[in-house]
Amino acid sequence: MSNIKLPPILRKLSGGVKEVQIEGATVGELLDNLDRKYSGIKNQLLTEDGEIARYVNLYLNDEDVRFLQGLVTPVKESDTIVILPAMSGGAI
């Protein structure tokens, strides 16, 4: 099983869980199985077209999956997925 680290904003859907072990062969399968366990999480991460939302960053072992193979990026049991909401705004 791969490890998924959830940001604070998604923990309301996971019952406060910060990390979860999920099975899947690709990043997309991990998200599908994560959503089966914690309903509604996938809606926070993907667009209606099933693409990664522009305000969401998904990292596979510190690599942005957008620069790999996106949701079809293969994963291994020892891999870690980190979900981070994009940060913007502010003034200098």
Protein backbone atom coordinates (compact mmCIF):
# COMPACT_ATOMS: atom_id res chain seq x y z
CA MET A 1 0.00 0.00 0.00
CA SER A 2 1.11 3.54 -0.72
CA ASN A 3 1.05 6.29 1.88
CA ILE A 4 -1.04 9.42 1.25
CA LYS A 5 -0.47 12.55 3.34
CA LEU A 6 -3.55 14.77 3.62
CA PRO A 7 -3.43 18.54 4.13
CA PRO A 8 -5.42 20.11 6.99
CA ILE A 9 -8.16 21.29 4.61
CA LEU A 10 -9.03 17.68 3.69
CA ARG A 11 -8.86 16.29 7.20
CA LYS A 12 -12.45 17.34 7.85
CA LEU A 13 -13.43 14.68 5.29
CA SER A 14 -11.03 12.07 6.69
CA GLY A 15 -12.14 12.42 10.30
CA GLY A 16 -8.88 14.16 11.20
CA VAL A 17 -6.61 11.49 9.72
CA LYS A 18 -3.30 13.01 8.52
CA GLU A 19 -1.92 9.97 6.67
CA VAL A 20 -3.57 6.91 5.22
CA GLN A 21 -2.38 3.70 3.56
CA ILE A 22 -4.21 3.06 0.27
CA GLU A 23 -3.85 0.42 -2.44
CA GLY A 24 -3.64 1.23 -6.12
CA ALA A 25 -1.39 0.83 -9.15
CA THR A 26 -1.59 4.47 -10.30
CA VAL A 27 -2.09 7.87 -8.72
CA GLY A 28 -5.64 7.90 -10.11
CA GLU A 29 -6.44 4.50 -8.55
CA LEU A 30 -5.10 5.72 -5.22
CA LEU A 31 -7.42 8.73 -5.38
CA ASP A 32 -10.37 6.51 -6.34
CA ASN A 33 -9.70 4.24 -3.37
CA LEU A 34 -9.10 7.21 -1.08
CA ASP A 35 -12.50 8.57 -2.11
CA ARG A 36 -14.13 5.21 -1.39
CA LYS A 37 -12.71 5.37 2.11
CA TYR A 38 -13.41 9.09 2.65
CA SER A 39 -16.26 10.13 0.41
CA GLY A 40 -15.96 13.55 -1.18
CA ILE A 41 -12.19 13.90 -1.16
CA LYS A 42 -11.81 13.33 -4.89
CA ASN A 43 -14.29 16.14 -5.61
CA GLN A 44 -11.89 18.48 -3.83
CA LEU A 45 -8.92 17.39 -5.93
CA LEU A 46 -10.19 16.89 -9.49
CA THR A 47 -12.18 18.93 -11.99
CA GLU A 48 -15.47 17.75 -13.47
CA ASP A 49 -13.42 16.45 -16.41
CA GLY A 50 -11.39 14.23 -14.07
CA GLU A 51 -8.20 16.30 -14.32
CA ILE A 52 -6.14 17.51 -11.36
CA ALA A 53 -7.58 20.85 -10.27
CA ARG A 54 -5.21 23.76 -10.93
CA TYR A 55 -5.17 24.72 -7.25
CA VAL A 56 -4.10 21.21 -6.17
CA ASN A 57 -0.56 19.86 -6.20
CA LEU A 58 0.04 16.11 -6.03
CA TYR A 59 3.56 14.94 -5.34
CA LEU A 60 4.83 11.39 -5.74
CA ASN A 61 8.01 11.10 -3.68
CA ASP A 62 8.67 14.87 -4.08
CA GLU A 63 7.94 14.86 -7.85
CA ASP A 64 4.92 16.79 -9.15
CA VAL A 65 2.76 14.19 -10.93
CA ARG A 66 1.90 16.79 -13.61
CA PHE A 67 5.51 16.45 -14.77
CA LEU A 68 5.33 12.65 -14.66
CA GLN A 69 2.30 10.92 -16.17
CA GLY A 70 -0.46 12.72 -14.28
CA LEU A 71 -3.14 10.47 -12.83
CA VAL A 72 -1.84 7.44 -14.72
CA THR A 73 1.58 7.70 -13.05
CA PRO A 74 2.43 4.22 -11.69
CA VAL A 75 2.99 3.87 -7.94
CA LYS A 76 4.73 1.28 -5.79
CA GLU A 77 3.89 0.15 -2.28
CA SER A 78 6.78 2.13 -0.85
CA ASP A 79 5.68 5.40 -2.49
CA THR A 80 4.29 8.45 -0.73
CA ILE A 81 1.76 10.85 -2.22
CA VAL A 82 1.56 14.32 -0.70
CA ILE A 83 -1.51 16.42 -1.45
CA LEU A 84 -0.93 20.17 -1.16
CA PRO A 85 -3.34 22.97 -1.96
CA ALA A 86 -1.70 25.69 -4.08
CA MET A 87 -0.86 28.89 -2.22
CA SER A 88 -1.19 32.32 -3.78
CA GLY A 89 -1.91 35.93 -3.00
CA GLY A 90 -0.42 38.34 -0.55
CA ALA A 91 1.61 41.47 -0.94
CA ILE A 92 5.28 42.24 -0.60
